[in-house]
């Protein structure tokens, strides 16, 4: 059961916008570090880039049109 659950969750995560997943990975790497060694600047920049991306616009349009988004990593 665990393998099936992990596959299902990983598949759902992978459906998200690539730029958002990238930003999340950057933040997670920094948050694993001791607080005094963290540099969250790159994570903040990556998240800001998400909101200026074509994928963000596609996500909003897909939501408003009640359809599944077609993310392209841009």
PDB file of N, CA and C in Angstrom:
ATOM      1  N   UNK A   1       0.817  -1.204   0.000  1.00  0.00           N
ATOM      2  CA  UNK A   1       0.000   0.000   0.000  1.00  0.00           C
ATOM      3  C   UNK A   1       0.857   1.264   0.000  1.00  0.00           C
ATOM      4  N   UNK A   2       1.976   1.203   0.699  1.00  0.00           N
ATOM      5  CA  UNK A   2       2.819   2.388   0.795  1.00  0.00           C
ATOM      6  C   UNK A   2       3.322   2.819  -0.577  1.00  0.00           C
ATOM      7  N   UNK A   3       3.795   1.869  -1.380  1.00  0.00           N
ATOM      8  CA  UNK A   3       4.297   2.199  -2.718  1.00  0.00           C
ATOM      9  C   UNK A   3       3.216   2.878  -3.555  1.00  0.00           C
ATOM     10  N   UNK A   4       2.016   2.368  -3.505  1.00  0.00           N
ATOM     11  CA  UNK A   4       0.916   2.950  -4.276  1.00  0.00           C
ATOM     12  C   UNK A   4       0.610   4.357  -3.792  1.00  0.00           C
ATOM     13  N   UNK A   5       0.624   4.543  -2.482  1.00  0.00           N
ATOM     14  CA  UNK A   5       0.351   5.863  -1.914  1.00  0.00           C
ATOM     15  C   UNK A   5       1.436   6.865  -2.315  1.00  0.00           C
ATOM     16  N   UNK A   6       2.688   6.439  -2.252  1.00  0.00           N
ATOM     17  CA  UNK A   6       3.802   7.314  -2.623  1.00  0.00           C
ATOM     18  C   UNK A   6       3.717   7.677  -4.104  1.00  0.00           C
ATOM     19  N   UNK A   7       3.422   6.701  -4.962  1.00  0.00           N
ATOM     20  CA  UNK A   7       3.294   6.975  -6.404  1.00  0.00           C
ATOM     21  C   UNK A   7       2.184   7.984  -6.671  1.00  0.00           C
ATOM     22  N   UNK A   8       1.051   7.793  -5.995  1.00  0.00           N
ATOM     23  CA  UNK A   8      -0.093   8.688  -6.191  1.00  0.00           C
ATOM     24  C   UNK A   8       0.257  10.106  -5.749  1.00  0.00           C
ATOM     25  N   UNK A   9       0.866  10.236  -4.579  1.00  0.00           N
ATOM     26  CA  UNK A   9       1.234  11.569  -4.081  1.00  0.00           C
ATOM     27  C   UNK A   9       2.281  12.221  -4.970  1.00  0.00           C
ATOM     28  N   UNK A  10       3.288  11.471  -5.359  1.00  0.00           N
ATOM     29  CA  UNK A  10       4.340  12.008  -6.220  1.00  0.00           C
ATOM     30  C   UNK A  10       3.764  12.449  -7.561  1.00  0.00           C
ATOM     31  N   UNK A  11       2.829  11.695  -8.085  1.00  0.00           N
ATOM     32  CA  UNK A  11       2.179  12.074  -9.340  1.00  0.00           C
ATOM     33  C   UNK A  11       1.408  13.370  -9.205  1.00  0.00           C
ATOM     34  N   UNK A  12       0.716  13.530  -8.094  1.00  0.00           N
ATOM     35  CA  UNK A  12      -0.040  14.769  -7.870  1.00  0.00           C
ATOM     36  C   UNK A  12       0.897  15.958  -7.708  1.00  0.00           C
ATOM     37  N   UNK A  13       2.003  15.757  -7.028  1.00  0.00           N
ATOM     38  CA  UNK A  13       2.980  16.839  -6.866  1.00  0.00           C
ATOM     39  C   UNK A  13       3.566  17.215  -8.219  1.00  0.00           C
ATOM     40  N   UNK A  14       3.897  16.216  -9.028  1.00  0.00           N
ATOM     41  CA  UNK A  14       4.519  16.452 -10.329  1.00  0.00           C
ATOM     42  C   UNK A  14       3.605  17.186 -11.311  1.00  0.00           C
ATOM     43  N   UNK A  15       2.307  17.198 -11.055  1.00  0.00           N
ATOM     44  CA  UNK A  15       1.365  17.910 -11.928  1.00  0.00           C
ATOM     45  C   UNK A  15       1.431  19.427 -11.741  1.00  0.00           C
ATOM     46  N   UNK A  16       2.104  19.886 -10.703  1.00  0.00           N
ATOM     47  CA  UNK A  16       2.190  21.317 -10.430  1.00  0.00           C
ATOM     48  C   UNK A  16       3.172  21.992 -11.371  1.00  0.00           C
ATOM     49  N   UNK A  17       3.145  23.307 -11.374  1.00  0.00           N
ATOM     50  CA  UNK A  17       4.005  24.088 -12.258  1.00  0.00           C
ATOM     51  C   UNK A  17       5.479  23.830 -11.932  1.00  0.00           C
ATOM     52  N   UNK A  18       6.296  23.562 -12.951  1.00  0.00           N
ATOM     53  CA  UNK A  18       7.715  23.272 -12.723  1.00  0.00           C
ATOM     54  C   UNK A  18       8.458  24.379 -11.971  1.00  0.00           C
ATOM     55  N   UNK A  19       8.139  25.629 -12.264  1.00  0.00           N
ATOM     56  CA  UNK A  19       8.829  26.725 -11.576  1.00  0.00           C
ATOM     57  C   UNK A  19       8.470  26.761 -10.091  1.00  0.00           C
ATOM     58  N   UNK A  20       7.247  26.424  -9.773  1.00  0.00           N
ATOM     59  CA  UNK A  20       6.828  26.372  -8.377  1.00  0.00           C
ATOM     60  C   UNK A  20       7.536  25.232  -7.661  1.00  0.00           C
ATOM     61  N   UNK A  21       7.642  24.087  -8.301  1.00  0.00           N
ATOM     62  CA  UNK A  21       8.356  22.959  -7.704  1.00  0.00           C
ATOM     63  C   UNK A  21       9.824  23.300  -7.483  1.00  0.00           C
ATOM     64  N   UNK A  22      10.418  24.005  -8.419  1.00  0.00           N
ATOM     65  CA  UNK A  22      11.816  24.431  -8.283  1.00  0.00           C
ATOM     66  C   UNK A  22      11.980  25.343  -7.075  1.00  0.00           C
ATOM     67  N   UNK A  23      11.068  26.308  -6.939  1.00  0.00           N
ATOM     68  CA  UNK A  23      11.130  27.232  -5.802  1.00  0.00           C
ATOM     69  C   UNK A  23      10.969  26.485  -4.480  1.00  0.00           C
ATOM     70  N   UNK A  24      10.081  25.536  -4.459  1.00  0.00           N
ATOM     71  CA  UNK A  24       9.865  24.738  -3.251  1.00  0.00           C
ATOM     72  C   UNK A  24      11.119  23.953  -2.884  1.00  0.00           C
ATOM     73  N   UNK A  25      11.782  23.370  -3.870  1.00  0.00           N
ATOM     74  CA  UNK A  25      13.001  22.611  -3.606  1.00  0.00           C
ATOM     75  C   UNK A  25      14.104  23.512  -3.053  1.00  0.00           C
ATOM     76  N   UNK A  26      14.225  24.711  -3.602  1.00  0.00           N
ATOM     77  CA  UNK A  26      15.226  25.660  -3.114  1.00  0.00           C
ATOM     78  C   UNK A  26      14.943  26.005  -1.654  1.00  0.00           C
ATOM     79  N   UNK A  27      13.702  26.307  -1.348  1.00  0.00           N
ATOM     80  CA  UNK A  27      13.327  26.662   0.024  1.00  0.00           C
ATOM     81  C   UNK A  27      13.545  25.485   0.973  1.00  0.00           C
ATOM     82  N   UNK A  28      13.164  24.293   0.559  1.00  0.00           N
ATOM     83  CA  UNK A  28      13.318  23.109   1.418  1.00  0.00           C
ATOM     84  C   UNK A  28      14.781  22.845   1.730  1.00  0.00           C
ATOM     85  N   UNK A  29      15.651  23.023   0.732  1.00  0.00           N
ATOM     86  CA  UNK A  29      17.093  22.823   0.970  1.00  0.00           C
ATOM     87  C   UNK A  29      17.606  23.801   2.026  1.00  0.00           C
ATOM     88  N   UNK A  30      17.179  25.044   1.927  1.00  0.00           N
ATOM     89  CA  UNK A  30      17.639  26.050   2.891  1.00  0.00           C
ATOM     90  C   UNK A  30      17.052  25.813   4.277  1.00  0.00           C
ATOM     91  N   UNK A  31      15.810  25.403   4.342  1.00  0.00           N
ATOM     92  CA  UNK A  31      15.166  25.205   5.637  1.00  0.00           C
ATOM     93  C   UNK A  31      15.712  24.004   6.393  1.00  0.00           C
ATOM     94  N   UNK A  32      16.386  23.109   5.700  1.00  0.00           N
ATOM     95  CA  UNK A  32      17.037  21.976   6.375  1.00  0.00           C
ATOM     96  C   UNK A  32      18.312  22.410   7.091  1.00  0.00           C
ATOM     97  N   UNK A  33      18.840  23.558   6.713  1.00  0.00           N
ATOM     98  CA  UNK A  33      20.076  24.051   7.320  1.00  0.00           C
ATOM     99  C   UNK A  33      19.773  24.680   8.684  1.00  0.00           C
ATOM    100  N   UNK A  34      20.786  24.744   9.553  1.00  0.00           N
ATOM    101  CA  UNK A  34      20.591  25.479  10.813  1.00  0.00           C
ATOM    102  C   UNK A  34      20.221  26.934  10.515  1.00  0.00           C
ATOM    103  N   UNK A  35      19.408  27.516  11.369  1.00  0.00           N
ATOM    104  CA  UNK A  35      18.856  28.847  11.102  1.00  0.00           C
ATOM    105  C   UNK A  35      19.916  29.888  10.753  1.00  0.00           C
ATOM    106  N   UNK A  36      21.030  29.871  11.414  1.00  0.00           N
ATOM    107  CA  UNK A  36      22.077  30.859  11.164  1.00  0.00           C
ATOM    108  C   UNK A  36      22.789  30.695   9.833  1.00  0.00           C
ATOM    109  N   UNK A  37      22.626  29.566   9.187  1.00  0.00           N
ATOM    110  CA  UNK A  37      23.300  29.295   7.912  1.00  0.00           C
ATOM    111  C   UNK A  37      22.376  29.410   6.705  1.00  0.00           C
ATOM    112  N   UNK A  38      21.127  29.701   6.950  1.00  0.00           N
ATOM    113  CA  UNK A  38      20.156  29.764   5.853  1.00  0.00           C
ATOM    114  C   UNK A  38      20.316  31.039   5.033  1.00  0.00           C
ATOM    115  N   UNK A  39      20.136  30.887   3.734  1.00  0.00           N
ATOM    116  CA  UNK A  39      20.071  32.030   2.819  1.00  0.00           C
ATOM    117  C   UNK A  39      18.780  31.877   2.022  1.00  0.00           C
ATOM    118  N   UNK A  40      17.733  32.547   2.472  1.00  0.00           N
ATOM    119  CA  UNK A  40      16.433  32.402   1.815  1.00  0.00           C
ATOM    120  C   UNK A  40      16.251  33.354   0.637  1.00  0.00           C
ATOM    121  N   UNK A  41      17.260  34.161   0.350  1.00  0.00           N
ATOM    122  CA  UNK A  41      17.177  35.077  -0.788  1.00  0.00           C
ATOM    123  C   UNK A  41      16.862  34.369  -2.098  1.00  0.00           C
ATOM    124  N   UNK A  42      17.594  33.309  -2.450  1.00  0.00           N
ATOM    125  CA  UNK A  42      17.279  32.590  -3.693  1.00  0.00           C
ATOM    126  C   UNK A  42      15.869  32.004  -3.697  1.00  0.00           C
ATOM    127  N   UNK A  43      15.395  31.542  -2.561  1.00  0.00           N
ATOM    128  CA  UNK A  43      14.037  30.995  -2.497  1.00  0.00           C
ATOM    129  C   UNK A  43      13.009  32.096  -2.734  1.00  0.00           C
ATOM    130  N   UNK A  44      13.218  33.257  -2.112  1.00  0.00           N
ATOM    131  CA  UNK A  44      12.295  34.378  -2.320  1.00  0.00           C
ATOM    132  C   UNK A  44      12.297  34.813  -3.785  1.00  0.00           C
ATOM    133  N   UNK A  45      13.480  34.856  -4.395  1.00  0.00           N
ATOM    134  CA  UNK A  45      13.574  35.239  -5.811  1.00  0.00           C
ATOM    135  C   UNK A  45      12.872  34.217  -6.702  1.00  0.00           C
ATOM    136  N   UNK A  46      13.031  32.935  -6.379  1.00  0.00           N
ATOM    137  CA  UNK A  46      12.389  31.892  -7.174  1.00  0.00           C
ATOM    138  C   UNK A  46      10.871  31.975  -7.071  1.00  0.00           C
ATOM    139  N   UNK A  47      10.364  32.238  -5.856  1.00  0.00           N
ATOM    140  CA  UNK A  47       8.915  32.384  -5.689  1.00  0.00           C
ATOM    141  C   UNK A  47       8.401  33.618  -6.424  1.00  0.00           C
ATOM    142  N   UNK A  48       9.127  34.721  -6.344  1.00  0.00           N
ATOM    143  CA  UNK A  48       8.710  35.932  -7.052  1.00  0.00           C
ATOM    144  C   UNK A  48       8.653  35.681  -8.555  1.00  0.00           C
ATOM    145  N   UNK A  49       9.615  34.934  -9.070  1.00  0.00           N
ATOM    146  CA  UNK A  49       9.632  34.615 -10.502  1.00  0.00           C
ATOM    147  C   UNK A  49       8.400  33.812 -10.902  1.00  0.00           C
ATOM    148  N   UNK A  50       7.893  33.002  -9.992  1.00  0.00           N
ATOM    149  CA  UNK A  50       6.692  32.214 -10.299  1.00  0.00           C
ATOM    150  C   UNK A  50       5.521  33.121 -10.662  1.00  0.00           C
ATOM    151  N   UNK A  51       5.354  34.201  -9.908  1.00  0.00           N
ATOM    152  CA  UNK A  51       4.212  35.093 -10.125  1.00  0.00           C
ATOM    153  C   UNK A  51       4.328  35.904 -11.405  1.00  0.00           C
ATOM    154  N   UNK A  52       5.526  36.004 -11.953  1.00  0.00           N
ATOM    155  CA  UNK A  52       5.731  36.739 -13.205  1.00  0.00           C
ATOM    156  C   UNK A  52       5.799  35.793 -14.404  1.00  0.00           C
ATOM    157  N   UNK A  53       5.522  34.524 -14.188  1.00  0.00           N
ATOM    158  CA  UNK A  53       5.722  33.531 -15.248  1.00  0.00           C
ATOM    159  C   UNK A  53       4.476  33.307 -16.109  1.00  0.00           C
ATOM    160  N   UNK A  54       4.725  32.729 -17.279  1.00  0.00           N
ATOM    161  CA  UNK A  54       3.626  32.309 -18.146  1.00  0.00           C
ATOM    162  C   UNK A  54       2.804  31.210 -17.465  1.00  0.00           C
ATOM    163  N   UNK A  55       3.471  30.350 -16.709  1.00  0.00           N
ATOM    164  CA  UNK A  55       2.763  29.277 -16.005  1.00  0.00           C
ATOM    165  C   UNK A  55       1.757  29.835 -14.998  1.00  0.00           C
ATOM    166  N   UNK A  56       2.104  30.931 -14.333  1.00  0.00           N
ATOM    167  CA  UNK A  56       1.172  31.540 -13.384  1.00  0.00           C
ATOM    168  C   UNK A  56      -0.083  32.004 -14.125  1.00  0.00           C
ATOM    169  N   UNK A  57       0.132  32.688 -15.241  1.00  0.00           N
ATOM    170  CA  UNK A  57      -1.014  33.153 -16.039  1.00  0.00           C
ATOM    171  C   UNK A  57      -1.858  31.975 -16.521  1.00  0.00           C
ATOM    172  N   UNK A  58      -1.180  30.896 -16.931  1.00  0.00           N
ATOM    173  CA  UNK A  58      -1.886  29.698 -17.380  1.00  0.00           C
ATOM    174  C   UNK A  58      -2.676  29.079 -16.228  1.00  0.00           C
ATOM    175  N   UNK A  59      -2.084  29.051 -15.057  1.00  0.00           N
ATOM    176  CA  UNK A  59      -2.776  28.492 -13.897  1.00  0.00           C
ATOM    177  C   UNK A  59      -4.024  29.263 -13.541  1.00  0.00           C
ATOM    178  N   UNK A  60      -3.937  30.587 -13.570  1.00  0.00           N
ATOM    179  CA  UNK A  60      -5.096  31.432 -13.273  1.00  0.00           C
ATOM    180  C   UNK A  60      -6.167  31.233 -14.336  1.00  0.00           C
ATOM    181  N   UNK A  61      -5.755  31.243 -15.610  1.00  0.00           N
ATOM    182  CA  UNK A  61      -6.722  31.061 -16.696  1.00  0.00           C
ATOM    183  C   UNK A  61      -7.401  29.691 -16.594  1.00  0.00           C
ATOM    184  N   UNK A  62      -6.626  28.659 -16.316  1.00  0.00           N
ATOM    185  CA  UNK A  62      -7.196  27.313 -16.201  1.00  0.00           C
ATOM    186  C   UNK A  62      -8.193  27.241 -15.041  1.00  0.00           C
ATOM    187  N   UNK A  63      -7.850  27.881 -13.938  1.00  0.00           N
ATOM    188  CA  UNK A  63      -8.760  27.896 -12.794  1.00  0.00           C
ATOM    189  C   UNK A  63     -10.070  28.585 -13.162  1.00  0.00           C
ATOM    190  N   UNK A  64      -9.969  29.746 -13.790  1.00  0.00           N
ATOM    191  CA  UNK A  64     -11.174  30.504 -14.158  1.00  0.00           C
ATOM    192  C   UNK A  64     -12.014  29.765 -15.203  1.00  0.00           C
ATOM    193  N   UNK A  65     -11.341  29.023 -16.068  1.00  0.00           N
ATOM    194  CA  UNK A  65     -12.036  28.268 -17.114  1.00  0.00           C
ATOM    195  C   UNK A  65     -12.404  26.855 -16.660  1.00  0.00           C
ATOM    196  N   UNK A  66     -12.087  26.539 -15.410  1.00  0.00           N
ATOM    197  CA  UNK A  66     -12.401  25.220 -14.818  1.00  0.00           C
ATOM    198  C   UNK A  66     -11.837  24.066 -15.657  1.00  0.00           C
ATOM    199  N   UNK A  67     -10.544  24.205 -15.983  1.00  0.00           N
ATOM    200  CA  UNK A  67      -9.869  23.152 -16.743  1.00  0.00           C
ATOM    201  C   UNK A  67      -8.519  22.881 -16.096  1.00  0.00           C
ATOM    202  N   UNK A  68      -7.912  21.798 -16.502  1.00  0.00           N
ATOM    203  CA  UNK A  68      -6.602  21.440 -16.008  1.00  0.00           C
ATOM    204  C   UNK A  68      -5.537  22.315 -16.699  1.00  0.00           C
ATOM    205  N   UNK A  69      -4.606  22.887 -15.939  1.00  0.00           N
ATOM    206  CA  UNK A  69      -3.590  23.737 -16.581  1.00  0.00           C
ATOM    207  C   UNK A  69      -2.579  22.938 -17.389  1.00  0.00           C
ATOM    208  N   UNK A  70      -2.023  23.576 -18.390  1.00  0.00           N
ATOM    209  CA  UNK A  70      -0.970  22.977 -19.210  1.00  0.00           C
ATOM    210  C   UNK A  70       0.309  23.781 -18.955  1.00  0.00           C
ATOM    211  N   UNK A  71       1.042  23.417 -17.904  1.00  0.00           N
ATOM    212  CA  UNK A  71       2.250  24.142 -17.531  1.00  0.00           C
ATOM    213  C   UNK A  71       3.378  23.803 -18.491  1.00  0.00           C
ATOM    214  N   UNK A  72       4.231  24.823 -18.774  1.00  0.00           N
ATOM    215  CA  UNK A  72       5.328  24.642 -19.722  1.00  0.00           C
ATOM    216  C   UNK A  72       6.687  24.979 -19.139  1.00  0.00           C
ATOM    217  N   UNK A  73       6.725  25.349 -17.867  1.00  0.00           N
ATOM    218  CA  UNK A  73       7.990  25.679 -17.241  1.00  0.00           C
ATOM    219  C   UNK A  73       8.553  27.020 -17.656  1.00  0.00           C
ATOM    220  N   UNK A  74       7.651  27.923 -18.014  1.00  0.00           N
ATOM    221  CA  UNK A  74       8.075  29.280 -18.432  1.00  0.00           C
ATOM    222  C   UNK A  74       7.356  30.314 -17.613  1.00  0.00           C
TER     223      UNK A  74
END
